[in-house]
Amino acid sequence: MATYAIGDIQGCAKTFLALLETLKFKPKKDKLWLAGDLVNRGPGSLMVLRHVYGIKESVRLVLGNHDLHLLAVASGAGTLRADDTIHDILNAPDRHDLLRWLRHQPVFFKNGNHAMVHAGLLPTWSFKTATALSSELETLLQSDSYSELLANMRGSKPKNWSETLTGWKRYRVLLNAFTRMRVCDKNSGDMDFSYKGPYETIPESCKAWFELPTKRSSRITLICGHWSALGIHLKANIVSLDSGCIWGGPLTAYCLDTREITQVPNQDK
């Protein structure tokens, strides 16, 4: 039995299936962790979602910003963008089952010595805090009023977390941290959404979110994705897996048991 984590798929269905074949993934034996952004921009979003749903007993995943965008559009709380490739899901006869299942997935989880989030965790959060805050969001997302949350998630303010935040400002900060964050101001800790480039050219005023002093336990490895320009970034307790498959790069899997990296080239160009 092995557990594999895979970075952002973003509708690259052929590449995703090729990676599972390369891994010799067996749903009845192995486990699969997906770091969010299963859908959008690639040509096979429906195929990816259906395949993951078909093996859902063997899968754990976190929601990414593109997954939330899909849910927003499907609920009427968001609008399609010119580069969206989620039309096949929106028009699918099984969309209700697929989207209801997707909506009931977490934005963060911890299991033993590993945890997973799509983008990151604010430095002031411990894993216990992140678990409690993600539970707040998930309760709303799984409720009958979930579309209100999705309708109010747009925007980049407030830029930092405070326990005194309430209402949509509170939930927007949480969603932005869990699903959009890349760098933070190195002095204030404010999230900075203007920078999406590589690690080597992070502005002097900022640091990668995972390099600021943190309350997270160093004994737990946090697996994430989202930051394609960062690429594969492996540290003692951080594993970032978005290798830019949607931009023509490979799709990457990480074995939690052996720390081995497996990649397949993009087959959805």
Protein backbone atom coordinates (compact mmCIF):
# COMPACT_ATOMS: atom_id res chain seq x y z
CA MET A 1 0.00 0.00 0.00
CA ALA A 2 1.26 3.47 -0.90
CA THR A 3 -0.06 7.01 -0.52
CA TYR A 4 0.61 9.46 -3.34
CA ALA A 5 0.03 13.22 -3.39
CA ILE A 6 -0.48 14.92 -6.77
CA GLY A 7 -0.26 18.61 -7.58
CA ASP A 8 -2.64 20.78 -9.59
CA ILE A 9 -4.27 18.78 -12.41
CA GLN A 10 -6.44 21.59 -13.81
CA GLY A 11 -8.34 19.47 -16.29
CA CYS A 12 -5.26 17.77 -17.78
CA ALA A 13 -7.02 14.42 -17.86
CA LYS A 14 -4.72 12.49 -20.19
CA THR A 15 -1.67 13.50 -18.16
CA PHE A 16 -3.42 12.63 -14.88
CA LEU A 17 -4.39 9.15 -16.09
CA ALA A 18 -0.87 8.61 -17.47
CA LEU A 19 0.60 9.51 -14.08
CA LEU A 20 -1.70 7.06 -12.29
CA GLU A 21 -0.64 4.37 -14.77
CA THR A 22 3.03 5.18 -14.23
CA LEU A 23 2.51 4.89 -10.48
CA LYS A 24 0.65 1.58 -11.00
CA PHE A 25 -2.00 3.10 -8.74
CA LYS A 26 -4.47 0.54 -7.40
CA PRO A 27 -7.58 2.14 -5.84
CA LYS A 28 -8.35 -0.90 -3.70
CA LYS A 29 -4.84 -0.85 -2.25
CA ASP A 30 -3.32 2.64 -2.56
CA LYS A 31 -4.40 6.11 -1.44
CA LEU A 32 -4.42 9.34 -3.42
CA TRP A 33 -4.14 12.88 -2.05
CA LEU A 34 -4.96 15.71 -4.45
CA ALA A 35 -3.76 19.25 -3.73
CA GLY A 36 -6.73 21.05 -5.30
CA ASP A 37 -7.49 22.67 -8.65
CA LEU A 38 -8.70 19.46 -10.20
CA VAL A 39 -10.46 21.45 -12.91
CA ASN A 40 -10.33 24.39 -15.31
CA ARG A 41 -8.06 25.68 -18.07
CA GLY A 42 -7.22 22.16 -19.25
CA PRO A 43 -9.33 20.32 -21.86
CA GLY A 44 -10.61 17.43 -19.71
CA SER A 45 -12.11 18.84 -16.52
CA LEU A 46 -15.16 16.56 -16.63
CA MET A 47 -13.02 13.48 -17.24
CA VAL A 48 -10.80 14.33 -14.25
CA LEU A 49 -13.75 14.96 -11.95
CA ARG A 50 -15.54 11.78 -13.01
CA HIS A 51 -12.44 9.66 -12.57
CA VAL A 52 -11.71 11.02 -9.10
CA TYR A 53 -15.37 10.62 -8.12
CA GLY A 54 -15.26 7.02 -9.35
CA ILE A 55 -12.40 6.18 -6.97
CA LYS A 56 -13.50 8.54 -4.19
CA GLU A 57 -13.14 5.91 -1.47
CA SER A 58 -9.39 5.96 -2.11
CA VAL A 59 -9.07 9.74 -2.46
CA ARG A 60 -8.55 12.67 -0.12
CA LEU A 61 -8.41 16.15 -1.58
CA VAL A 62 -8.54 19.83 -0.73
CA LEU A 63 -10.41 22.46 -2.71
CA GLY A 64 -8.44 24.94 -4.78
CA ASN A 65 -9.43 28.33 -6.12
CA HIS A 66 -10.46 26.87 -9.49
CA ASP A 67 -12.64 24.25 -7.82
CA LEU A 68 -14.35 27.00 -5.82
CA HIS A 69 -14.81 29.02 -9.00
CA LEU A 70 -16.56 26.05 -10.61
CA LEU A 71 -18.89 25.74 -7.62
CA ALA A 72 -19.58 29.49 -7.71
CA VAL A 73 -20.47 29.48 -11.40
CA ALA A 74 -22.63 26.36 -11.05
CA SER A 75 -24.56 27.92 -8.16
CA GLY A 76 -25.10 31.24 -9.92
CA ALA A 77 -22.77 33.06 -7.54
CA GLY A 78 -20.03 33.51 -10.13
CA THR A 79 -19.67 34.18 -13.85
CA LEU A 80 -17.77 32.33 -16.53
CA ARG A 81 -14.44 33.82 -17.63
CA ALA A 82 -13.06 33.79 -21.15
CA ASP A 83 -10.41 31.16 -20.34
CA ASP A 84 -12.68 28.81 -18.34
CA THR A 85 -12.94 25.22 -19.56
CA ILE A 86 -15.63 23.98 -17.17
CA HIS A 87 -18.54 24.04 -19.63
CA ASP A 88 -18.48 20.24 -19.95
CA ILE A 89 -19.09 19.88 -16.22
CA LEU A 90 -21.84 22.49 -16.16
CA ASN A 91 -23.64 20.67 -18.99
CA ALA A 92 -23.06 17.12 -17.74
CA PRO A 93 -26.07 14.94 -16.82
CA ASP A 94 -24.30 13.88 -13.62
CA ARG A 95 -23.25 17.41 -12.61
CA HIS A 96 -25.46 17.40 -9.49
CA ASP A 97 -23.74 14.36 -7.98
CA LEU A 98 -20.26 15.51 -8.98
CA LEU A 99 -20.66 19.05 -7.65
CA ARG A 100 -22.41 18.05 -4.46
CA TRP A 101 -19.54 15.67 -3.70
CA LEU A 102 -16.95 18.33 -4.58
CA ARG A 103 -18.67 20.87 -2.32
CA HIS A 104 -18.31 18.49 0.62
CA GLN A 105 -14.52 18.32 0.36
CA PRO A 106 -12.28 20.18 2.84
CA VAL A 107 -9.98 23.16 2.28
CA PHE A 108 -7.42 21.72 4.71
CA PHE A 109 -6.83 18.45 6.49
CA LYS A 110 -4.23 16.80 8.67
CA ASN A 111 -3.60 13.07 8.90
CA GLY A 112 -0.82 11.80 11.13
CA ASN A 113 2.49 13.44 10.24
CA HIS A 114 1.16 14.99 7.03
CA ALA A 115 -1.28 17.77 6.19
CA MET A 116 -2.59 19.21 2.93
CA VAL A 117 -3.80 22.61 1.71
CA HIS A 118 -4.07 24.08 -1.76
CA ALA A 119 -2.15 27.37 -1.32
CA GLY A 120 -0.85 27.77 2.23
CA LEU A 121 -1.37 28.51 5.90
CA LEU A 122 -0.82 31.90 7.47
CA PRO A 123 2.31 31.91 9.65
CA THR A 124 0.33 32.76 12.80
CA TRP A 125 -1.71 29.57 12.49
CA SER A 126 -0.84 26.32 14.19
CA PHE A 127 -2.19 23.13 12.64
CA LYS A 128 -4.82 23.05 15.39
CA THR A 129 -5.92 26.58 14.48
CA ALA A 130 -5.98 25.77 10.76
CA THR A 131 -8.15 22.73 11.43
CA ALA A 132 -10.66 24.78 13.41
CA LEU A 133 -10.79 27.60 10.84
CA SER A 134 -11.14 25.25 7.90
CA SER A 135 -14.01 23.56 9.71
CA GLU A 136 -15.78 26.93 9.88
CA LEU A 137 -15.54 27.33 6.13
CA GLU A 138 -16.51 23.75 5.40
CA THR A 139 -19.63 24.02 7.55
CA LEU A 140 -20.76 26.98 5.45
CA LEU A 141 -19.76 25.41 2.15
CA GLN A 142 -21.70 22.26 2.95
CA SER A 143 -24.81 24.14 4.11
CA ASP A 144 -27.84 25.17 2.04
CA SER A 145 -26.55 28.77 2.00
CA TYR A 146 -23.20 27.88 0.43
CA SER A 147 -23.84 30.12 -2.60
CA GLU A 148 -23.76 33.18 -0.32
CA LEU A 149 -20.25 32.27 0.75
CA LEU A 150 -19.18 31.81 -2.86
CA ALA A 151 -20.80 35.10 -3.90
CA ASN A 152 -18.80 36.97 -1.25
CA MET A 153 -15.41 35.30 -1.64
CA ARG A 154 -14.08 37.66 -4.35
CA GLY A 155 -11.53 40.27 -3.39
CA SER A 156 -8.16 40.47 -1.65
CA LYS A 157 -9.09 42.37 1.51
CA PRO A 158 -8.60 42.09 4.41
CA LYS A 159 -5.02 41.01 3.80
CA ASN A 160 -4.34 39.44 7.17
CA TRP A 161 -6.07 37.37 9.78
CA SER A 162 -7.55 38.61 13.02
CA GLU A 163 -9.71 36.61 15.38
CA THR A 164 -11.91 39.70 15.66
CA LEU A 165 -12.96 39.49 12.00
CA THR A 166 -16.57 38.53 11.44
CA GLY A 167 -18.91 37.82 8.54
CA TRP A 168 -17.75 37.75 4.96
CA LYS A 169 -14.47 39.54 5.74
CA ARG A 170 -13.55 36.69 8.06
CA TYR A 171 -14.40 33.99 5.52
CA ARG A 172 -12.72 35.84 2.65
CA VAL A 173 -9.41 35.99 4.54
CA LEU A 174 -9.67 32.28 5.29
CA LEU A 175 -10.44 31.32 1.71
CA ASN A 176 -7.67 33.56 0.37
CA ALA A 177 -5.10 32.02 2.69
CA PHE A 178 -6.13 28.43 2.07
CA THR A 179 -6.55 28.75 -1.72
CA ARG A 180 -4.76 31.86 -3.12
CA MET A 181 -1.74 32.87 -1.02
CA ARG A 182 1.84 32.79 -2.33
CA VAL A 183 3.85 35.53 -0.60
CA CYS A 184 3.39 37.77 2.44
CA ASP A 185 4.86 41.09 3.50
CA LYS A 186 7.90 40.11 5.56
CA ASN A 187 7.18 42.73 8.24
CA SER A 188 3.39 42.85 8.59
CA GLY A 189 2.58 39.34 7.44
CA ASP A 190 -0.09 40.73 5.07
CA MET A 191 -0.88 38.52 2.10
CA ASP A 192 0.36 40.03 -1.18
CA PHE A 193 -1.58 38.76 -4.18
CA SER A 194 0.22 40.88 -6.77
CA TYR A 195 3.19 38.52 -7.09
CA LYS A 196 2.89 35.21 -8.96
CA GLY A 197 6.44 34.78 -10.22
CA PRO A 198 9.28 32.41 -9.31
CA TYR A 199 10.91 32.06 -5.91
CA GLU A 200 14.15 33.68 -7.06
CA THR A 201 12.53 37.03 -7.85
CA ILE A 202 10.21 37.50 -4.88
CA PRO A 203 10.14 41.25 -4.10
CA GLU A 204 12.48 42.41 -1.34
CA SER A 205 9.51 43.46 0.78
CA CYS A 206 8.01 39.96 0.78
CA LYS A 207 8.80 36.37 1.63
CA ALA A 208 7.25 33.08 0.61
CA TRP A 209 4.45 32.32 3.08
CA PHE A 210 6.27 29.21 4.32
CA GLU A 211 9.47 31.13 5.16
CA LEU A 212 8.00 33.47 7.77
CA PRO A 213 8.25 32.54 11.47
CA THR A 214 5.40 30.15 12.17
CA LYS A 215 3.45 28.35 14.87
CA ARG A 216 3.21 25.20 12.73
CA SER A 217 4.83 22.09 14.15
CA SER A 218 8.03 21.20 12.29
CA ARG A 219 7.23 17.52 12.83
CA ILE A 220 4.37 17.66 10.32
CA THR A 221 4.96 17.86 6.56
CA LEU A 222 2.56 20.23 4.79
CA ILE A 223 1.76 19.36 1.17
CA CYS A 224 0.44 22.10 -1.12
CA GLY A 225 0.21 23.27 -4.73
CA HIS A 226 -1.12 26.44 -6.42
CA TRP A 227 2.18 28.23 -7.08
CA SER A 228 3.21 26.96 -10.51
CA ALA A 229 6.09 29.43 -10.89
CA LEU A 230 7.59 28.05 -7.69
CA GLY A 231 7.62 24.56 -9.17
CA ILE A 232 8.57 21.54 -7.10
CA HIS A 233 9.79 22.80 -3.77
CA LEU A 234 10.84 20.24 -1.19
CA LYS A 235 11.94 21.08 2.32
CA ALA A 236 11.94 19.12 5.54
CA ASN A 237 8.33 20.04 6.27
CA ILE A 238 7.03 21.65 3.05
CA VAL A 239 6.21 19.82 -0.19
CA SER A 240 4.93 22.08 -2.97
CA LEU A 241 3.77 20.11 -6.01
CA ASP A 242 2.42 22.44 -8.70
CA SER A 243 4.85 21.83 -11.54
CA GLY A 244 2.82 23.85 -14.05
CA CYS A 245 1.20 21.03 -15.99
CA ILE A 246 -1.42 23.41 -17.37
CA TRP A 247 1.38 25.56 -18.80
CA GLY A 248 3.05 22.61 -20.53
CA GLY A 249 5.09 21.31 -17.60
CA PRO A 250 4.92 17.80 -16.13
CA LEU A 251 2.39 16.54 -13.61
CA THR A 252 4.00 15.51 -10.33
CA ALA A 253 3.30 12.89 -7.70
CA TYR A 254 4.97 12.61 -4.29
CA CYS A 255 4.98 9.38 -2.30
CA LEU A 256 4.30 10.14 1.36
CA ASP A 257 5.96 6.90 2.41
CA THR A 258 9.26 7.22 0.54
CA ARG A 259 9.40 10.96 -0.43
CA GLU A 260 10.00 9.80 -4.01
CA ILE A 261 8.97 12.15 -6.83
CA THR A 262 7.36 10.77 -10.01
CA GLN A 263 6.58 12.92 -13.04
CA VAL A 264 5.02 12.44 -16.46
CA PRO A 265 5.22 15.00 -19.28
CA ASN A 266 2.16 16.96 -20.29
CA GLN A 267 -0.04 14.99 -22.68
CA ASP A 268 -2.88 17.51 -22.95
CA LYS A 269 -1.16 20.22 -24.98
